[in-house]
Amino acid sequence: MDWSVLDSWIVITGVLSAMSCALLGNYLVLRRMSMMGDAISHAVLPGLAIAFLISGSRDSLTMMVGAVLIGVVTAFLVEAVQKLSGLDRGASMGVIFTTLFALGLILIRQAADHVDLDPGCVLYGAIELTPLDVYEWGGLEIPRAAATNAAMLLVNLSFVLVFYKELKITSFDPALATTIGIHANGMHYALMTLVAATTIAAFESVGSILVIAMLIVPGAAAHLLTDRLSRMLAISLIIAGLSAVMGHIGAITVPGWFGLRDTSTAGMMAVAAGAIFICVFFFAPRHGVISRAFNRILLSMGIIRDDILAFLYRFQELAPEGSAPVSASDVENAVKAGRMAKLAMWDLVRRRLVNQSTNGLALTEEGRSMARSLVRSH
């Protein structure tokens, strides 16, 4: 694998873009508004086109103003349709963003007759070309996309740090936030405004596909790894950064395994984010599928062990003096747990709570004490 300065700038641009999206995406996940990022990222297209058609310029500030305004309008329309029609939020988003997205594509096609506004670039980005568009700062050539995304990350980070408490309360309990004097709707629209600005800042370099992925996937994966907001924010930034690095490395290496030349770096970054989420989905310590299944097995084993101890205690308590120990088959029939009962009996013997002989099973002194406590507590 050949690595150059261009590759480094591509990764830096991807990392900055991914982190700026992930930071706000956490709050979209917590507010159960994950698809709002998708809606806004598609709905800003008419804002881009209208800004160009009015101004006749592709100036970054003009385009961002148009996109941000449309993003806020999208959030407002979704809320309005939901409240006035009684539709759920998902249906409201679907109606608004598909309509605005289609309108944006039509306008961009119209604008494309006069300037090189490419719908494909909006969707897939051109992060591989970002190191070619540079400006000098202190004698150092810096890609404009990297500077733009760095500024956006700084703005988002400042917003989260300054309004951390307000964002936390309005995300978990908007009604409580209102009662204690926090303007929940104001925080909502401020968040939507920054989501729109972040989306347009990343459009030119990574396109809407990676923006959507980074708005949701890092936050969703982090949410499976922790229940604390501060840790969730930090973990999502790490996942976003790893996705960008792994995605570019995968884009320049994986196609070669199949005899291909290369592939979309932005697309591979999104794939890397998805791969990380899948790993977290299965192996997260507390909320992972495998971890939860394992914890359920441990819980079942604990219940069966307690049932066996209680059964043996009651049997020895009621049986005449000198009676034979209980056979393993009788214990299995009593607790009705099948193979789990055999495993539980083996575990009790291993823990020296039960003695096993050719005649059957009997409680040890320690086992008797534990069983007595269990029976009394029941």
Protein backbone atom coordinates (compact mmCIF):
# COMPACT_ATOMS: atom_id res chain seq x y z
CA MET A 1 0.00 0.00 0.00
CA ASP A 2 1.47 3.34 -1.13
CA TRP A 3 0.66 6.22 1.20
CA SER A 4 1.19 9.85 0.25
CA VAL A 5 0.46 13.32 1.59
CA LEU A 6 -2.71 13.29 -0.50
CA ASP A 7 -3.92 10.18 1.35
CA SER A 8 -3.22 11.88 4.67
CA TRP A 9 -5.31 14.91 3.71
CA ILE A 10 -8.14 12.69 2.46
CA VAL A 11 -8.20 10.89 5.82
CA ILE A 12 -7.98 14.16 7.77
CA THR A 13 -10.90 15.60 5.79
CA GLY A 14 -12.93 12.42 6.33
CA VAL A 15 -12.19 12.34 10.04
CA LEU A 16 -13.15 15.99 10.55
CA SER A 17 -16.35 15.57 8.56
CA ALA A 18 -17.29 12.33 10.32
CA MET A 19 -16.66 13.78 13.78
CA SER A 20 -18.64 16.95 13.14
CA CYS A 21 -21.60 14.82 12.01
CA ALA A 22 -21.29 12.27 14.81
CA LEU A 23 -21.25 14.92 17.54
CA LEU A 24 -24.72 16.17 16.61
CA GLY A 25 -25.92 12.73 15.61
CA ASN A 26 -25.85 11.59 19.23
CA TYR A 27 -28.70 13.95 20.03
CA LEU A 28 -30.68 12.83 16.99
CA VAL A 29 -30.37 9.23 18.23
CA LEU A 30 -31.36 10.15 21.79
CA ARG A 31 -34.33 12.19 20.58
CA ARG A 32 -35.44 9.29 18.36
CA MET A 33 -35.06 11.57 15.37
CA SER A 34 -32.42 9.59 13.50
CA MET A 35 -34.20 9.94 10.18
CA MET A 36 -34.31 13.72 10.61
CA GLY A 37 -30.64 13.80 9.63
CA ASP A 38 -31.53 11.82 6.51
CA ALA A 39 -34.43 14.17 5.80
CA ILE A 40 -32.38 17.35 6.20
CA SER A 41 -29.40 15.99 4.25
CA HIS A 42 -31.72 15.33 1.29
CA ALA A 43 -33.91 18.38 1.73
CA VAL A 44 -31.03 20.88 1.57
CA LEU A 45 -30.65 20.19 -2.15
CA PRO A 46 -33.27 22.78 -3.17
CA GLY A 47 -31.54 25.25 -0.86
CA LEU A 48 -28.28 24.74 -2.74
CA ALA A 49 -29.96 25.11 -6.12
CA ILE A 50 -32.07 28.12 -5.16
CA ALA A 51 -29.05 29.88 -3.64
CA PHE A 52 -27.14 29.42 -6.90
CA LEU A 53 -30.04 30.39 -9.15
CA ILE A 54 -30.62 33.60 -7.15
CA SER A 55 -27.00 34.61 -6.65
CA GLY A 56 -25.47 33.06 -9.77
CA SER A 57 -22.48 32.09 -7.63
CA ARG A 58 -21.18 28.92 -5.98
CA ASP A 59 -19.74 30.93 -3.10
CA SER A 60 -19.59 28.66 -0.03
CA LEU A 61 -21.27 31.18 2.28
CA THR A 62 -24.18 31.75 -0.11
CA MET A 63 -24.73 28.04 -0.59
CA MET A 64 -24.55 27.38 3.14
CA VAL A 65 -27.08 30.10 3.93
CA GLY A 66 -29.51 28.64 1.40
CA ALA A 67 -29.03 25.09 2.68
CA VAL A 68 -29.34 26.08 6.34
CA LEU A 69 -32.56 27.99 5.69
CA ILE A 70 -34.07 25.02 3.87
CA GLY A 71 -32.88 22.71 6.67
CA VAL A 72 -34.70 24.80 9.28
CA VAL A 73 -37.77 24.95 7.05
CA THR A 74 -37.64 21.15 6.75
CA ALA A 75 -37.57 20.70 10.52
CA PHE A 76 -40.44 23.19 10.90
CA LEU A 77 -42.53 21.49 8.18
CA VAL A 78 -42.01 18.04 9.70
CA GLU A 79 -43.17 19.28 13.10
CA ALA A 80 -46.13 21.11 11.53
CA VAL A 81 -47.29 18.13 9.48
CA GLN A 82 -46.95 15.84 12.49
CA LYS A 83 -48.98 18.09 14.77
CA LEU A 84 -51.65 19.19 12.29
CA SER A 85 -52.23 15.85 10.55
CA GLY A 86 -51.73 13.40 13.41
CA LEU A 87 -49.23 11.39 11.34
CA ASP A 88 -46.25 9.90 13.15
CA ARG A 89 -42.87 11.60 12.82
CA GLY A 90 -41.53 9.01 10.37
CA ALA A 91 -44.40 9.51 7.93
CA SER A 92 -44.08 13.29 8.22
CA MET A 93 -40.37 13.10 7.43
CA GLY A 94 -41.03 10.82 4.48
CA VAL A 95 -43.54 13.23 2.95
CA ILE A 96 -41.40 16.34 3.42
CA PHE A 97 -37.91 15.14 2.57
CA THR A 98 -38.88 13.13 -0.52
CA THR A 99 -40.78 16.11 -1.92
CA LEU A 100 -37.97 18.55 -1.22
CA PHE A 101 -35.33 16.11 -2.44
CA ALA A 102 -37.15 15.63 -5.75
CA LEU A 103 -37.54 19.41 -6.09
CA GLY A 104 -33.83 19.83 -5.36
CA LEU A 105 -32.83 17.33 -8.05
CA ILE A 106 -34.99 19.16 -10.60
CA LEU A 107 -33.48 22.51 -9.68
CA ILE A 108 -29.93 21.15 -9.70
CA ARG A 109 -30.48 19.68 -13.14
CA GLN A 110 -31.68 23.11 -14.24
CA ALA A 111 -28.66 24.78 -12.68
CA ALA A 112 -26.33 22.19 -14.22
CA ASP A 113 -27.00 23.70 -17.65
CA HIS A 114 -25.15 26.81 -16.51
CA VAL A 115 -22.53 25.52 -14.07
CA ASP A 116 -20.95 22.25 -13.05
CA LEU A 117 -23.33 21.33 -10.23
CA ASP A 118 -23.31 17.56 -10.35
CA PRO A 119 -26.07 15.62 -8.55
CA GLY A 120 -23.74 12.63 -8.33
CA CYS A 121 -21.18 14.73 -6.48
CA VAL A 122 -23.87 15.79 -4.03
CA LEU A 123 -24.77 12.15 -3.37
CA TYR A 124 -21.34 10.49 -3.36
CA GLY A 125 -18.96 13.38 -2.78
CA ALA A 126 -15.47 13.74 -4.19
CA ILE A 127 -13.27 13.37 -1.14
CA GLU A 128 -10.46 11.99 -3.29
CA LEU A 129 -10.19 15.39 -5.00
CA THR A 130 -10.27 17.57 -1.90
CA PRO A 131 -6.45 17.81 -1.57
CA LEU A 132 -6.36 19.52 -4.99
CA ASP A 133 -8.40 22.55 -3.88
CA VAL A 134 -6.14 24.28 -1.37
CA TYR A 135 -5.33 27.66 0.05
CA GLU A 136 -2.19 28.81 1.80
CA TRP A 137 -2.15 29.53 5.51
CA GLY A 138 1.14 30.36 7.18
CA GLY A 139 3.08 28.86 4.30
CA LEU A 140 1.12 25.60 4.52
CA GLU A 141 -1.24 24.41 1.80
CA ILE A 142 -4.49 23.26 3.43
CA PRO A 143 -7.41 21.72 1.51
CA ARG A 144 -10.46 23.97 1.70
CA ALA A 145 -12.70 21.03 2.58
CA ALA A 146 -10.51 20.15 5.56
CA ALA A 147 -10.61 23.74 6.81
CA THR A 148 -14.38 23.97 6.33
CA ASN A 149 -15.06 20.72 8.18
CA ALA A 150 -12.60 21.66 10.94
CA ALA A 151 -14.45 24.96 11.44
CA MET A 152 -17.77 23.09 11.50
CA LEU A 153 -16.45 20.63 14.07
CA LEU A 154 -15.26 23.52 16.23
CA VAL A 155 -18.67 25.22 16.01
CA ASN A 156 -20.51 21.98 16.86
CA LEU A 157 -18.16 21.22 19.75
CA SER A 158 -18.60 24.73 21.14
CA PHE A 159 -22.37 24.41 20.88
CA VAL A 160 -22.38 21.07 22.71
CA LEU A 161 -20.06 22.31 25.46
CA VAL A 162 -21.94 25.57 26.02
CA PHE A 163 -25.43 24.03 25.95
CA TYR A 164 -24.54 20.58 27.31
CA LYS A 165 -27.07 20.73 30.16
CA GLU A 166 -29.85 22.16 28.00
CA LEU A 167 -29.29 19.60 25.24
CA LYS A 168 -29.22 16.77 27.77
CA ILE A 169 -32.48 17.75 29.47
CA THR A 170 -34.36 18.54 26.25
CA SER A 171 -33.22 15.26 24.70
CA PHE A 172 -34.47 13.10 27.57
CA ASP A 173 -37.44 15.10 28.90
CA PRO A 174 -38.59 18.15 26.88
CA ALA A 175 -41.56 18.70 29.21
CA LEU A 176 -39.26 18.94 32.24
CA ALA A 177 -36.98 21.31 30.33
CA THR A 178 -39.91 23.63 29.64
CA THR A 179 -41.04 23.64 33.29
CA ILE A 180 -37.59 24.68 34.51
CA GLY A 181 -37.30 27.49 32.00
CA ILE A 182 -35.35 25.90 29.14
CA HIS A 183 -36.81 26.64 25.71
CA ALA A 184 -37.11 23.11 24.30
CA ASN A 185 -38.30 24.24 20.86
CA GLY A 186 -35.48 26.77 20.65
CA MET A 187 -32.89 24.07 21.37
CA HIS A 188 -34.57 21.80 18.83
CA TYR A 189 -34.37 24.32 16.01
CA ALA A 190 -30.83 25.35 16.97
CA LEU A 191 -29.82 21.70 16.71
CA MET A 192 -31.58 21.34 13.34
CA THR A 193 -29.84 24.47 12.08
CA LEU A 194 -26.43 23.06 12.94
CA VAL A 195 -27.36 19.70 11.40
CA ALA A 196 -28.19 21.50 8.16
CA ALA A 197 -24.97 23.54 8.30
CA THR A 198 -22.90 20.42 9.01
CA THR A 199 -24.57 18.63 6.12
CA ILE A 200 -23.75 21.34 3.61
CA ALA A 201 -20.21 21.71 4.94
CA ALA A 202 -19.62 18.03 4.21
CA PHE A 203 -21.50 17.83 0.90
CA GLU A 204 -18.70 18.85 -1.41
CA SER A 205 -16.15 16.52 0.13
CA VAL A 206 -18.05 13.40 1.23
CA GLY A 207 -21.57 13.69 -0.18
CA SER A 208 -24.90 13.00 1.47
CA ILE A 209 -24.40 9.23 1.82
CA LEU A 210 -21.49 9.54 4.24
CA VAL A 211 -23.18 12.46 6.01
CA ILE A 212 -26.26 10.33 6.71
CA ALA A 213 -24.11 7.42 7.87
CA MET A 214 -22.00 9.54 10.21
CA LEU A 215 -24.98 11.39 11.63
CA ILE A 216 -26.50 8.13 12.85
CA VAL A 217 -24.12 5.15 12.96
CA PRO A 218 -21.47 6.40 15.44
CA GLY A 219 -24.10 7.67 17.87
CA ALA A 220 -26.15 4.48 17.60
CA ALA A 221 -23.08 2.31 18.18
CA ALA A 222 -21.95 4.45 21.12
CA HIS A 223 -25.44 4.20 22.63
CA LEU A 224 -25.07 0.40 22.69
CA LEU A 225 -21.74 0.72 24.51
CA THR A 226 -22.70 3.14 27.29
CA ASP A 227 -25.65 4.75 29.02
CA ARG A 228 -23.77 7.93 30.02
CA LEU A 229 -24.09 10.89 27.66
CA SER A 230 -20.54 12.20 28.14
CA ARG A 231 -19.05 8.80 27.35
CA MET A 232 -21.43 8.37 24.44
CA LEU A 233 -20.21 11.61 22.88
CA ALA A 234 -16.56 10.61 23.28
CA ILE A 235 -17.07 7.06 21.97
CA SER A 236 -19.03 8.30 18.95
CA LEU A 237 -16.16 10.61 18.01
CA ILE A 238 -13.71 7.71 18.24
CA ILE A 239 -15.95 5.49 16.10
CA ALA A 240 -16.37 8.27 13.53
CA GLY A 241 -12.61 8.80 13.31
CA LEU A 242 -11.91 5.08 13.00
CA SER A 243 -14.54 4.75 10.28
CA ALA A 244 -12.87 7.44 8.21
CA VAL A 245 -9.38 5.95 8.60
CA MET A 246 -10.50 2.36 8.01
CA GLY A 247 -12.68 3.45 5.09
CA HIS A 248 -9.86 5.09 3.16
CA ILE A 249 -7.47 2.22 3.85
CA GLY A 250 -10.15 -0.19 2.66
CA ALA A 251 -10.82 1.88 -0.46
CA ILE A 252 -7.20 1.69 -1.62
CA THR A 253 -6.54 -1.93 -0.62
CA VAL A 254 -9.70 -4.07 -0.73
CA PRO A 255 -10.52 -3.58 -4.46
CA GLY A 256 -7.07 -4.91 -5.31
CA TRP A 257 -7.95 -8.22 -3.69
CA PHE A 258 -10.59 -8.70 -6.37
CA GLY A 259 -8.57 -7.40 -9.28
CA LEU A 260 -10.25 -4.00 -9.29
CA ARG A 261 -8.58 -0.60 -9.40
CA ASP A 262 -10.30 1.37 -6.64
CA THR A 263 -13.69 2.39 -5.25
CA SER A 264 -15.44 5.32 -3.60
CA THR A 265 -13.62 6.40 -0.46
CA ALA A 266 -16.72 8.04 1.01
CA GLY A 267 -18.69 4.86 0.34
CA MET A 268 -16.03 2.72 2.04
CA MET A 269 -16.04 5.04 5.04
CA ALA A 270 -19.77 4.48 5.38
CA VAL A 271 -19.23 0.73 5.01
CA ALA A 272 -16.54 0.82 7.71
CA ALA A 273 -18.95 2.63 10.03
CA GLY A 274 -21.56 -0.04 9.35
CA ALA A 275 -19.04 -2.81 10.03
CA ILE A 276 -18.12 -1.24 13.37
CA PHE A 277 -21.81 -0.98 14.27
CA ILE A 278 -22.38 -4.65 13.44
CA CYS A 279 -19.50 -5.65 15.73
CA VAL A 280 -20.90 -3.48 18.51
CA PHE A 281 -24.41 -4.78 17.86
CA PHE A 282 -23.28 -8.35 18.51
CA PHE A 283 -20.49 -7.92 21.05
CA ALA A 284 -21.33 -4.83 23.15
CA PRO A 285 -20.73 -5.81 26.82
CA ARG A 286 -24.22 -4.96 28.00
CA HIS A 287 -26.54 -4.38 25.06
CA GLY A 288 -24.95 -6.63 22.43
CA VAL A 289 -26.99 -9.55 21.08
CA ILE A 290 -24.44 -12.16 22.13
CA SER A 291 -23.84 -10.53 25.49
CA ARG A 292 -27.56 -10.38 26.26
CA ALA A 293 -28.00 -14.02 25.23
CA PHE A 294 -25.06 -15.01 27.44
CA ASN A 295 -26.45 -13.01 30.36
CA ARG A 296 -29.83 -14.71 29.93
CA ILE A 297 -28.11 -18.09 30.05
CA LEU A 298 -26.25 -17.09 33.21
CA LEU A 299 -29.50 -15.89 34.77
CA SER A 300 -31.24 -19.15 33.88
CA MET A 301 -28.33 -21.12 35.32
CA GLY A 302 -28.54 -19.15 38.56
CA ILE A 303 -32.26 -19.83 38.87
CA ILE A 304 -31.80 -23.56 38.20
CA ARG A 305 -28.96 -23.76 40.74
CA ASP A 306 -31.20 -22.14 43.35
CA ASP A 307 -34.04 -24.54 42.51
CA ILE A 308 -31.74 -27.54 42.92
CA LEU A 309 -30.38 -26.29 46.24
CA ALA A 310 -33.91 -25.65 47.54
CA PHE A 311 -35.11 -29.07 46.36
CA LEU A 312 -32.21 -30.90 48.00
CA TYR A 313 -32.68 -28.94 51.23
CA ARG A 314 -36.39 -29.71 51.44
CA PHE A 315 -35.78 -33.36 50.61
CA GLN A 316 -33.11 -33.80 53.32
CA GLU A 317 -35.27 -31.87 55.77
CA LEU A 318 -38.30 -34.10 55.24
CA ALA A 319 -36.59 -37.46 54.55
CA PRO A 320 -36.17 -39.93 57.42
CA GLU A 321 -32.77 -40.19 59.07
CA GLY A 322 -30.37 -42.35 57.06
CA SER A 323 -32.28 -42.02 53.77
CA ALA A 324 -30.31 -42.41 50.54
CA PRO A 325 -29.21 -39.27 48.67
CA VAL A 326 -31.37 -37.96 45.84
CA SER A 327 -30.54 -39.39 42.43
CA ALA A 328 -29.56 -37.05 39.61
CA SER A 329 -32.55 -38.18 37.55
CA ASP A 330 -34.95 -37.25 40.38
CA VAL A 331 -33.38 -33.78 40.58
CA GLU A 332 -33.74 -33.33 36.81
CA ASN A 333 -37.41 -34.39 36.98
CA ALA A 334 -38.03 -32.01 39.89
CA VAL A 335 -36.57 -28.86 38.36
CA LYS A 336 -37.70 -29.68 34.78
CA ALA A 337 -34.76 -27.94 33.12
CA GLY A 338 -33.38 -30.67 30.84
CA ARG A 339 -29.72 -30.41 29.95
CA MET A 340 -29.40 -27.15 31.86
CA ALA A 341 -30.11 -29.11 35.05
CA LYS A 342 -27.10 -31.38 34.40
CA LEU A 343 -24.90 -28.35 33.82
CA ALA A 344 -26.23 -26.70 36.97
CA MET A 345 -25.57 -29.84 39.05
CA TRP A 346 -22.02 -30.00 37.70
CA ASP A 347 -21.53 -26.34 38.62
CA LEU A 348 -22.85 -26.92 42.17
CA VAL A 349 -20.44 -29.83 42.62
CA ARG A 350 -17.63 -27.64 41.29
CA ARG A 351 -18.52 -24.93 43.79
CA ARG A 352 -18.54 -27.58 46.56
CA LEU A 353 -22.13 -26.81 47.46
CA VAL A 354 -23.23 -30.34 46.59
CA ASN A 355 -21.51 -33.72 47.00
CA GLN A 356 -22.04 -36.26 44.24
CA SER A 357 -21.60 -39.98 44.78
CA THR A 358 -22.74 -43.15 43.09
CA ASN A 359 -25.87 -43.06 45.27
CA GLY A 360 -26.87 -39.51 44.32
CA LEU A 361 -26.56 -35.89 45.41
CA ALA A 362 -26.39 -34.38 48.90
CA LEU A 363 -25.78 -30.86 50.21
CA THR A 364 -22.49 -29.94 51.82
CA GLU A 365 -22.50 -27.80 54.95
CA GLU A 366 -21.90 -24.70 52.89
CA GLY A 367 -24.60 -25.76 50.44
CA ARG A 368 -27.04 -26.44 53.29
CA SER A 369 -26.43 -22.95 54.70
CA MET A 370 -27.00 -21.32 51.33
CA ALA A 371 -30.09 -23.43 50.65
CA ARG A 372 -31.54 -22.57 54.06
CA SER A 373 -31.15 -18.86 53.29
CA LEU A 374 -32.81 -19.30 49.90
CA VAL A 375 -35.78 -21.22 51.30
CA ARG A 376 -36.28 -18.73 54.11
CA SER A 377 -36.08 -15.75 51.77
CA HIS A 378 -38.71 -17.35 49.54
